[in-house]
Amino acid sequence: MVPQHFDEVKKFREAMIEKTRAAVHERLSSEINYWDHRASQLKLQEEAGKVNARINSEKARARADDLEARLQKRTEELKQERQISALPPIAVGGAMVVPIVWLQTLKPEQPQETPAEAEARQRIEQLAMEAVMRREQERGWEPKDVSALKIGYDIESHNPQDGSILFIEVKGRAAGARTVTISKNEILTALNKPEQSIIAIVEVDGDRAAEPLYLRKPFLKEPDFAVTTITYDLDDLIGQAEIVPQTPQGEARRVSSPPSARN
């Protein structure tokens, strides 16, 4: 491919350079001839005692010489531009195309959730949502369930006193669970609105939901492009986050050692 491409580029470039050279030579040569003739006229006038107050023969000659030098310099530059050579090709990107069936064979099968497990999960999520809604109401805020919208958080909580708002993503966990799964959308929402976003961890034991644990800024970076969800160790997630106190007057604190989700 290189010789063919090189010939095309060289032919195009040489035509452009020749067109430029002809235009430059015509314009500068015309100006050189003018000032050269002008210098001769002024010289004759000066010899006859007629001095031009605006310009003399020396200045006219200097202009002609300057234009001659410019013409030589530009001609040499265009001559160098005609020296075209091919460089080694540089690959700036690449792609691998494979059949989707092949990828599907490599994808590990996900365990199917049984009806009983799905019902238990939904019950835990509902109890966790109720616990967070109750906490927000107790501290004088106005929570709204927006979980059905799938916008990166489950609850919008408004402060009627100053108009501030919190975006709360609720994670209900069965008692003893040590991991929590966060979606990419939920992580990006928390990173984009770090001061307003809360991850609420609620441990559910039977029919009892523990006091919600509020976490702010638990994520350090955006997930990779192909990531859909990330499973975090619960203690590690709590350990790197700011713990938001139950009272709005308190200040967030960063724990030095991961506490239990019950704390």
C-alpha atoms as a PDB file:
ATOM      1  CA  MET A   1       0.000   0.000   0.000  1.00  0.00           C
ATOM      2  CA  VAL A   2       2.874   2.400   0.711  1.00  0.00           C
ATOM      3  CA  PRO A   3       4.200   2.861  -2.888  1.00  0.00           C
ATOM      4  CA  GLN A   4       0.724   3.594  -4.244  1.00  0.00           C
ATOM      5  CA  HIS A   5      -0.060   6.036  -1.455  1.00  0.00           C
ATOM      6  CA  PHE A   6       3.367   7.660  -1.813  1.00  0.00           C
ATOM      7  CA  ASP A   7       2.878   8.191  -5.556  1.00  0.00           C
ATOM      8  CA  GLU A   8      -0.529   9.789  -4.951  1.00  0.00           C
ATOM      9  CA  VAL A   9       0.801  12.128  -2.280  1.00  0.00           C
ATOM     10  CA  LYS A  10       3.915  13.026  -4.271  1.00  0.00           C
ATOM     11  CA  LYS A  11       1.927  13.836  -7.405  1.00  0.00           C
ATOM     12  CA  PHE A  12      -0.472  16.043  -5.483  1.00  0.00           C
ATOM     13  CA  ARG A  13       2.263  17.803  -3.489  1.00  0.00           C
ATOM     14  CA  GLU A  14       4.447  18.466  -6.554  1.00  0.00           C
ATOM     15  CA  ALA A  15       1.508  20.014  -8.395  1.00  0.00           C
ATOM     16  CA  MET A  16       0.736  22.275  -5.426  1.00  0.00           C
ATOM     17  CA  ILE A  17       4.392  23.252  -4.975  1.00  0.00           C
ATOM     18  CA  GLU A  18       4.802  24.082  -8.659  1.00  0.00           C
ATOM     19  CA  LYS A  19       1.653  26.197  -8.597  1.00  0.00           C
ATOM     20  CA  THR A  20       2.943  28.042  -5.526  1.00  0.00           C
ATOM     21  CA  ARG A  21       6.405  28.513  -7.039  1.00  0.00           C
ATOM     22  CA  ALA A  22       4.939  30.006 -10.218  1.00  0.00           C
ATOM     23  CA  ALA A  23       2.742  32.409  -8.259  1.00  0.00           C
ATOM     24  CA  VAL A  24       5.592  33.490  -5.961  1.00  0.00           C
ATOM     25  CA  HIS A  25       8.012  33.937  -8.870  1.00  0.00           C
ATOM     26  CA  GLU A  26       5.487  36.002 -10.846  1.00  0.00           C
ATOM     27  CA  ARG A  27       4.617  38.303  -7.931  1.00  0.00           C
ATOM     28  CA  LEU A  28       8.117  38.887  -6.585  1.00  0.00           C
ATOM     29  CA  SER A  29       9.709  39.176 -10.018  1.00  0.00           C
ATOM     30  CA  SER A  30       7.169  41.872 -10.916  1.00  0.00           C
ATOM     31  CA  GLU A  31       7.965  43.803  -7.738  1.00  0.00           C
ATOM     32  CA  ILE A  32      11.723  43.372  -8.255  1.00  0.00           C
ATOM     33  CA  ASN A  33      11.477  44.716 -11.785  1.00  0.00           C
ATOM     34  CA  TYR A  34       9.422  47.661 -10.575  1.00  0.00           C
ATOM     35  CA  TRP A  35      11.829  48.700  -7.834  1.00  0.00           C
ATOM     36  CA  ASP A  36      14.837  48.037 -10.003  1.00  0.00           C
ATOM     37  CA  HIS A  37      13.411  50.337 -12.679  1.00  0.00           C
ATOM     38  CA  ARG A  38      12.380  52.851 -10.002  1.00  0.00           C
ATOM     39  CA  ALA A  39      15.887  52.897  -8.567  1.00  0.00           C
ATOM     40  CA  SER A  40      17.336  53.630 -12.024  1.00  0.00           C
ATOM     41  CA  GLN A  41      14.852  56.487 -12.552  1.00  0.00           C
ATOM     42  CA  LEU A  42      15.609  58.038  -9.166  1.00  0.00           C
ATOM     43  CA  LYS A  43      19.355  57.734  -9.802  1.00  0.00           C
ATOM     44  CA  LEU A  44      19.026  59.687 -13.041  1.00  0.00           C
ATOM     45  CA  GLN A  45      16.885  62.335 -11.318  1.00  0.00           C
ATOM     46  CA  GLU A  46      19.414  62.674  -8.486  1.00  0.00           C
ATOM     47  CA  GLU A  47      22.247  63.112 -11.015  1.00  0.00           C
ATOM     48  CA  ALA A  48      20.181  65.873 -12.680  1.00  0.00           C
ATOM     49  CA  GLY A  49      19.735  67.615  -9.312  1.00  0.00           C
ATOM     50  CA  LYS A  50      16.100  66.570  -8.780  1.00  0.00           C
ATOM     51  CA  VAL A  51      15.942  64.964  -5.331  1.00  0.00           C
ATOM     52  CA  ASN A  52      12.787  63.046  -4.335  1.00  0.00           C
ATOM     53  CA  ALA A  53      11.883  63.932  -0.759  1.00  0.00           C
ATOM     54  CA  ARG A  54       9.929  60.711  -0.127  1.00  0.00           C
ATOM     55  CA  ILE A  55      12.370  58.093  -1.424  1.00  0.00           C
ATOM     56  CA  ASN A  56      15.817  58.068  -2.976  1.00  0.00           C
ATOM     57  CA  SER A  57      17.549  55.656  -5.341  1.00  0.00           C
ATOM     58  CA  GLU A  58      19.377  53.847  -2.509  1.00  0.00           C
ATOM     59  CA  LYS A  59      16.146  52.945  -0.723  1.00  0.00           C
ATOM     60  CA  ALA A  60      14.562  51.805  -3.983  1.00  0.00           C
ATOM     61  CA  ARG A  61      17.627  49.660  -4.740  1.00  0.00           C
ATOM     62  CA  ALA A  62      17.524  48.217  -1.198  1.00  0.00           C
ATOM     63  CA  ARG A  63      13.890  47.223  -1.697  1.00  0.00           C
ATOM     64  CA  ALA A  64      14.730  45.514  -4.974  1.00  0.00           C
ATOM     65  CA  ASP A  65      17.624  43.628  -3.330  1.00  0.00           C
ATOM     66  CA  ASP A  66      15.405  42.590  -0.386  1.00  0.00           C
ATOM     67  CA  LEU A  67      12.752  41.244  -2.739  1.00  0.00           C
ATOM     68  CA  GLU A  68      15.445  39.366  -4.689  1.00  0.00           C
ATOM     69  CA  ALA A  69      16.652  37.738  -1.475  1.00  0.00           C
ATOM     70  CA  ARG A  70      13.091  36.804  -0.527  1.00  0.00           C
ATOM     71  CA  LEU A  71      12.550  35.246  -3.937  1.00  0.00           C
ATOM     72  CA  GLN A  72      15.722  33.146  -3.616  1.00  0.00           C
ATOM     73  CA  LYS A  73      14.830  32.048  -0.084  1.00  0.00           C
ATOM     74  CA  ARG A  74      11.253  31.080  -0.991  1.00  0.00           C
ATOM     75  CA  THR A  75      12.431  29.265  -4.115  1.00  0.00           C
ATOM     76  CA  GLU A  76      14.895  27.242  -2.022  1.00  0.00           C
ATOM     77  CA  GLU A  77      12.150  26.380   0.532  1.00  0.00           C
ATOM     78  CA  LEU A  78       9.841  25.150  -2.210  1.00  0.00           C
ATOM     79  CA  LYS A  79      12.701  23.141  -3.695  1.00  0.00           C
ATOM     80  CA  GLN A  80      13.225  21.415  -0.355  1.00  0.00           C
ATOM     81  CA  GLU A  81       9.495  20.715  -0.074  1.00  0.00           C
ATOM     82  CA  ARG A  82       9.723  18.731  -3.311  1.00  0.00           C
ATOM     83  CA  GLN A  83      12.058  16.276  -1.554  1.00  0.00           C
ATOM     84  CA  ILE A  84       9.319  13.882  -0.437  1.00  0.00           C
ATOM     85  CA  SER A  85      10.104  10.518   1.140  1.00  0.00           C
ATOM     86  CA  ALA A  86       7.929   7.848   2.714  1.00  0.00           C
ATOM     87  CA  LEU A  87       8.095   7.269   6.470  1.00  0.00           C
ATOM     88  CA  PRO A  88       7.274   3.948   8.117  1.00  0.00           C
ATOM     89  CA  PRO A  89       3.504   3.681   8.726  1.00  0.00           C
ATOM     90  CA  ILE A  90       2.302   4.277  12.299  1.00  0.00           C
ATOM     91  CA  ALA A  91      -0.720   2.358  13.589  1.00  0.00           C
ATOM     92  CA  VAL A  92      -2.874   4.671  15.694  1.00  0.00           C
ATOM     93  CA  GLY A  93      -5.571   2.160  16.541  1.00  0.00           C
ATOM     94  CA  GLY A  94      -6.746  -1.370  16.120  1.00  0.00           C
ATOM     95  CA  ALA A  95      -9.744  -3.612  16.550  1.00  0.00           C
ATOM     96  CA  MET A  96     -10.354  -7.319  16.920  1.00  0.00           C
ATOM     97  CA  VAL A  97     -13.628  -8.672  15.562  1.00  0.00           C
ATOM     98  CA  VAL A  98     -14.781 -12.048  16.856  1.00  0.00           C
ATOM     99  CA  PRO A  99     -18.082 -13.943  16.653  1.00  0.00           C
ATOM    100  CA  ILE A 100     -20.382 -13.194  19.580  1.00  0.00           C
ATOM    101  CA  VAL A 101     -21.040 -16.915  19.978  1.00  0.00           C
ATOM    102  CA  TRP A 102     -17.347 -17.387  20.793  1.00  0.00           C
ATOM    103  CA  LEU A 103     -17.534 -14.745  23.503  1.00  0.00           C
ATOM    104  CA  GLN A 104     -20.661 -16.302  24.944  1.00  0.00           C
ATOM    105  CA  THR A 105     -18.863 -19.617  25.348  1.00  0.00           C
ATOM    106  CA  LEU A 106     -16.167 -17.862  27.418  1.00  0.00           C
ATOM    107  CA  LYS A 107     -18.632 -16.012  29.648  1.00  0.00           C
ATOM    108  CA  PRO A 108     -19.109 -17.853  32.929  1.00  0.00           C
ATOM    109  CA  GLU A 109     -22.653 -18.869  33.632  1.00  0.00           C
ATOM    110  CA  GLN A 110     -24.338 -16.786  36.319  1.00  0.00           C
ATOM    111  CA  PRO A 111     -26.117 -18.721  39.033  1.00  0.00           C
ATOM    112  CA  GLN A 112     -29.866 -18.472  38.652  1.00  0.00           C
ATOM    113  CA  GLU A 113     -31.747 -16.958  41.576  1.00  0.00           C
ATOM    114  CA  THR A 114     -34.467 -19.212  42.954  1.00  0.00           C
ATOM    115  CA  PRO A 115     -37.945 -17.797  43.619  1.00  0.00           C
ATOM    116  CA  ALA A 116     -37.329 -18.102  47.351  1.00  0.00           C
ATOM    117  CA  GLU A 117     -34.022 -16.233  47.095  1.00  0.00           C
ATOM    118  CA  ALA A 118     -35.632 -13.504  44.971  1.00  0.00           C
ATOM    119  CA  GLU A 119     -38.425 -13.083  47.511  1.00  0.00           C
ATOM    120  CA  ALA A 120     -35.915 -12.888  50.376  1.00  0.00           C
ATOM    121  CA  ARG A 121     -33.827 -10.302  48.538  1.00  0.00           C
ATOM    122  CA  GLN A 122     -36.871  -8.152  47.794  1.00  0.00           C
ATOM    123  CA  ARG A 123     -37.948  -8.323  51.444  1.00  0.00           C
ATOM    124  CA  ILE A 124     -34.478  -7.208  52.593  1.00  0.00           C
ATOM    125  CA  GLU A 125     -34.454  -4.336  50.086  1.00  0.00           C
ATOM    126  CA  GLN A 126     -37.920  -3.226  51.190  1.00  0.00           C
ATOM    127  CA  LEU A 127     -37.021  -3.278  54.889  1.00  0.00           C
ATOM    128  CA  ALA A 128     -33.822  -1.354  54.151  1.00  0.00           C
ATOM    129  CA  MET A 129     -35.737   1.289  52.166  1.00  0.00           C
ATOM    130  CA  GLU A 130     -38.241   1.676  54.996  1.00  0.00           C
ATOM    131  CA  ALA A 131     -35.432   2.094  57.533  1.00  0.00           C
ATOM    132  CA  VAL A 132     -33.776   4.864  55.512  1.00  0.00           C
ATOM    133  CA  MET A 133     -37.081   6.631  54.806  1.00  0.00           C
ATOM    134  CA  ARG A 134     -37.899   6.498  58.518  1.00  0.00           C
ATOM    135  CA  ARG A 135     -34.506   7.921  59.487  1.00  0.00           C
ATOM    136  CA  GLU A 136     -34.861  10.802  57.040  1.00  0.00           C
ATOM    137  CA  GLN A 137     -38.318  11.640  58.372  1.00  0.00           C
ATOM    138  CA  GLU A 138     -37.114  11.489  61.992  1.00  0.00           C
ATOM    139  CA  ARG A 139     -34.428  14.080  61.312  1.00  0.00           C
ATOM    140  CA  GLY A 140     -36.903  16.436  59.657  1.00  0.00           C
ATOM    141  CA  TRP A 141     -36.142  15.740  55.993  1.00  0.00           C
ATOM    142  CA  GLU A 142     -38.667  14.837  53.270  1.00  0.00           C
ATOM    143  CA  PRO A 143     -37.631  11.589  51.500  1.00  0.00           C
ATOM    144  CA  LYS A 144     -39.060  10.441  48.179  1.00  0.00           C
ATOM    145  CA  ASP A 145     -38.743   6.922  46.750  1.00  0.00           C
ATOM    146  CA  VAL A 146     -37.319   7.144  43.188  1.00  0.00           C
ATOM    147  CA  SER A 147     -35.889   3.611  42.986  1.00  0.00           C
ATOM    148  CA  ALA A 148     -38.178   2.672  40.078  1.00  0.00           C
ATOM    149  CA  LEU A 149     -36.539   5.346  37.889  1.00  0.00           C
ATOM    150  CA  LYS A 150     -33.115   3.583  37.890  1.00  0.00           C
ATOM    151  CA  ILE A 151     -31.187   6.888  38.023  1.00  0.00           C
ATOM    152  CA  GLY A 152     -28.284   5.863  40.239  1.00  0.00           C
ATOM    153  CA  TYR A 153     -29.937   6.282  43.639  1.00  0.00           C
ATOM    154  CA  ASP A 154     -33.112   5.137  45.426  1.00  0.00           C
ATOM    155  CA  ILE A 155     -34.186   8.101  47.544  1.00  0.00           C
ATOM    156  CA  GLU A 156     -34.235  11.864  47.067  1.00  0.00           C
ATOM    157  CA  SER A 157     -34.337  13.523  50.466  1.00  0.00           C
ATOM    158  CA  HIS A 158     -35.099  17.264  50.725  1.00  0.00           C
ATOM    159  CA  ASN A 159     -34.344  19.550  53.621  1.00  0.00           C
ATOM    160  CA  PRO A 160     -37.355  21.920  53.889  1.00  0.00           C
ATOM    161  CA  GLN A 161     -35.349  24.426  55.933  1.00  0.00           C
ATOM    162  CA  ASP A 162     -32.549  25.270  53.497  1.00  0.00           C
ATOM    163  CA  GLY A 163     -33.653  23.479  50.293  1.00  0.00           C
ATOM    164  CA  SER A 164     -30.644  21.128  50.228  1.00  0.00           C
ATOM    165  CA  ILE A 165     -31.035  17.647  48.801  1.00  0.00           C
ATOM    166  CA  LEU A 166     -29.429  14.245  49.279  1.00  0.00           C
ATOM    167  CA  PHE A 167     -29.283  11.384  46.777  1.00  0.00           C
ATOM    168  CA  ILE A 168     -29.339   8.136  48.757  1.00  0.00           C
ATOM    169  CA  GLU A 169     -28.561   4.714  47.316  1.00  0.00           C
ATOM    170  CA  VAL A 170     -29.886   2.041  49.705  1.00  0.00           C
ATOM    171  CA  LYS A 171     -28.111  -1.284  50.092  1.00  0.00           C
ATOM    172  CA  GLY A 172     -29.898  -3.821  52.266  1.00  0.00           C
ATOM    173  CA  ARG A 173     -27.720  -6.726  53.400  1.00  0.00           C
ATOM    174  CA  ALA A 174     -28.672  -9.902  55.213  1.00  0.00           C
ATOM    175  CA  ALA A 175     -27.145 -10.279  58.639  1.00  0.00           C
ATOM    176  CA  GLY A 176     -23.589 -11.578  58.333  1.00  0.00           C
ATOM    177  CA  ALA A 177     -23.146 -10.630  54.690  1.00  0.00           C
ATOM    178  CA  ARG A 178     -19.642  -9.292  54.059  1.00  0.00           C
ATOM    179  CA  THR A 179     -19.951  -8.035  50.470  1.00  0.00           C
ATOM    180  CA  VAL A 180     -22.102  -5.489  48.673  1.00  0.00           C
ATOM    181  CA  THR A 181     -22.602  -5.040  44.917  1.00  0.00           C
ATOM    182  CA  ILE A 182     -22.689  -1.518  43.441  1.00  0.00           C
ATOM    183  CA  SER A 183     -23.659  -0.801  39.836  1.00  0.00           C
ATOM    184  CA  LYS A 184     -21.526   1.360  37.546  1.00  0.00           C
ATOM    185  CA  ASN A 185     -24.328   3.931  37.321  1.00  0.00           C
ATOM    186  CA  GLU A 186     -24.501   4.189  41.119  1.00  0.00           C
ATOM    187  CA  ILE A 187     -20.722   4.673  41.368  1.00  0.00           C
ATOM    188  CA  LEU A 188     -20.684   7.396  38.699  1.00  0.00           C
ATOM    189  CA  THR A 189     -23.570   9.208  40.396  1.00  0.00           C
ATOM    190  CA  ALA A 190     -21.689   9.190  43.706  1.00  0.00           C
ATOM    191  CA  LEU A 191     -18.507  10.477  42.038  1.00  0.00           C
ATOM    192  CA  ASN A 192     -20.327  13.215  40.119  1.00  0.00           C
ATOM    193  CA  LYS A 193     -22.168  14.508  43.216  1.00  0.00           C
ATOM    194  CA  PRO A 194     -19.822  13.625  46.088  1.00  0.00           C
ATOM    195  CA  GLU A 195     -21.217  16.106  48.620  1.00  0.00           C
ATOM    196  CA  GLN A 196     -24.842  15.140  48.004  1.00  0.00           C
ATOM    197  CA  SER A 197     -24.569  11.395  47.428  1.00  0.00           C
ATOM    198  CA  ILE A 198     -24.968   8.870  50.230  1.00  0.00           C
ATOM    199  CA  ILE A 199     -24.586   5.092  50.216  1.00  0.00           C
ATOM    200  CA  ALA A 200     -26.860   3.765  52.976  1.00  0.00           C
ATOM    201  CA  ILE A 201     -25.931   0.305  54.275  1.00  0.00           C
ATOM    202  CA  VAL A 202     -28.731  -1.405  56.196  1.00  0.00           C
ATOM    203  CA  GLU A 203     -28.271  -4.787  57.859  1.00  0.00           C
ATOM    204  CA  VAL A 204     -31.468  -6.824  58.008  1.00  0.00           C
ATOM    205  CA  ASP A 205     -31.867  -9.689  60.455  1.00  0.00           C
ATOM    206  CA  GLY A 206     -35.149 -11.479  59.981  1.00  0.00           C
ATOM    207  CA  ASP A 207     -37.845  -8.816  60.044  1.00  0.00           C
ATOM    208  CA  ARG A 208     -35.688  -6.236  61.841  1.00  0.00           C
ATOM    209  CA  ALA A 209     -33.620  -3.621  60.040  1.00  0.00           C
ATOM    210  CA  ALA A 210     -30.682  -2.115  61.896  1.00  0.00           C
ATOM    211  CA  GLU A 211     -29.965   1.632  62.007  1.00  0.00           C
ATOM    212  CA  PRO A 212     -28.758   2.707  58.529  1.00  0.00           C
ATOM    213  CA  LEU A 213     -25.056   3.431  58.129  1.00  0.00           C
ATOM    214  CA  TYR A 214     -24.511   6.434  55.870  1.00  0.00           C
ATOM    215  CA  LEU A 215     -21.344   6.542  53.742  1.00  0.00           C
ATOM    216  CA  ARG A 216     -20.099   9.496  51.707  1.00  0.00           C
ATOM    217  CA  LYS A 217     -17.307   9.420  49.116  1.00  0.00           C
ATOM    218  CA  PRO A 218     -16.652   5.659  49.332  1.00  0.00           C
ATOM    219  CA  PHE A 219     -15.348   5.360  45.756  1.00  0.00           C
ATOM    220  CA  LEU A 220     -11.858   6.409  44.689  1.00  0.00           C
ATOM    221  CA  LYS A 221     -12.125   6.254  40.881  1.00  0.00           C
ATOM    222  CA  GLU A 222     -14.468   5.555  38.001  1.00  0.00           C
ATOM    223  CA  PRO A 223     -14.971   1.913  36.997  1.00  0.00           C
ATOM    224  CA  ASP A 224     -13.512   0.643  33.729  1.00  0.00           C
ATOM    225  CA  PHE A 225     -15.541   1.107  30.552  1.00  0.00           C
ATOM    226  CA  ALA A 226     -16.706  -2.503  30.297  1.00  0.00           C
ATOM    227  CA  VAL A 227     -17.646  -2.829  33.982  1.00  0.00           C
ATOM    228  CA  THR A 228     -21.354  -3.137  34.841  1.00  0.00           C
ATOM    229  CA  THR A 229     -21.171  -3.900  38.581  1.00  0.00           C
ATOM    230  CA  ILE A 230     -18.469  -4.154  41.235  1.00  0.00           C
ATOM    231  CA  THR A 231     -18.661  -6.297  44.350  1.00  0.00           C
ATOM    232  CA  TYR A 232     -16.964  -4.655  47.344  1.00  0.00           C
ATOM    233  CA  ASP A 233     -15.838  -6.114  50.604  1.00  0.00           C
ATOM    234  CA  LEU A 234     -18.183  -4.406  53.046  1.00  0.00           C
ATOM    235  CA  ASP A 235     -15.511  -3.658  55.663  1.00  0.00           C
ATOM    236  CA  ASP A 236     -13.155  -2.207  53.026  1.00  0.00           C
ATOM    237  CA  LEU A 237     -15.920  -0.030  51.589  1.00  0.00           C
ATOM    238  CA  ILE A 238     -16.823   1.293  55.016  1.00  0.00           C
ATOM    239  CA  GLY A 239     -13.174   1.805  55.888  1.00  0.00           C
ATOM    240  CA  GLN A 240     -12.446   4.125  52.969  1.00  0.00           C
ATOM    241  CA  ALA A 241     -15.651   6.170  53.266  1.00  0.00           C
ATOM    242  CA  GLU A 242     -16.753   9.102  55.408  1.00  0.00           C
ATOM    243  CA  ILE A 243     -19.276   8.068  58.045  1.00  0.00           C
ATOM    244  CA  VAL A 244     -22.170  10.534  58.082  1.00  0.00           C
ATOM    245  CA  PRO A 245     -23.586  11.023  61.608  1.00  0.00           C
ATOM    246  CA  GLN A 246     -27.240  10.503  62.373  1.00  0.00           C
ATOM    247  CA  THR A 247     -27.796  14.145  63.284  1.00  0.00           C
ATOM    248  CA  PRO A 248     -27.452  16.755  60.519  1.00  0.00           C
ATOM    249  CA  GLN A 249     -25.428  19.006  62.845  1.00  0.00           C
ATOM    250  CA  GLY A 250     -22.636  16.464  63.174  1.00  0.00           C
ATOM    251  CA  GLU A 251     -19.573  16.319  60.973  1.00  0.00           C
ATOM    252  CA  ALA A 252     -18.648  13.419  58.744  1.00  0.00           C
ATOM    253  CA  ARG A 253     -15.703  11.385  59.969  1.00  0.00           C
ATOM    254  CA  ARG A 254     -13.366   8.942  58.244  1.00  0.00           C
ATOM    255  CA  VAL A 255     -12.791   5.746  60.167  1.00  0.00           C
ATOM    256  CA  SER A 256      -9.273   4.367  60.574  1.00  0.00           C
ATOM    257  CA  SER A 257     -10.410   0.776  60.932  1.00  0.00           C
ATOM    258  CA  PRO A 258     -13.509  -0.720  59.270  1.00  0.00           C
ATOM    259  CA  PRO A 259     -16.378  -1.009  61.753  1.00  0.00           C
ATOM    260  CA  SER A 260     -19.200  -3.497  61.489  1.00  0.00           C
ATOM    261  CA  ALA A 261     -22.173  -2.544  59.354  1.00  0.00           C
ATOM    262  CA  ARG A 262     -24.237  -2.645  62.535  1.00  0.00           C
ATOM    263  CA  ASN A 263     -22.365   0.330  64.000  1.00  0.00           C
END
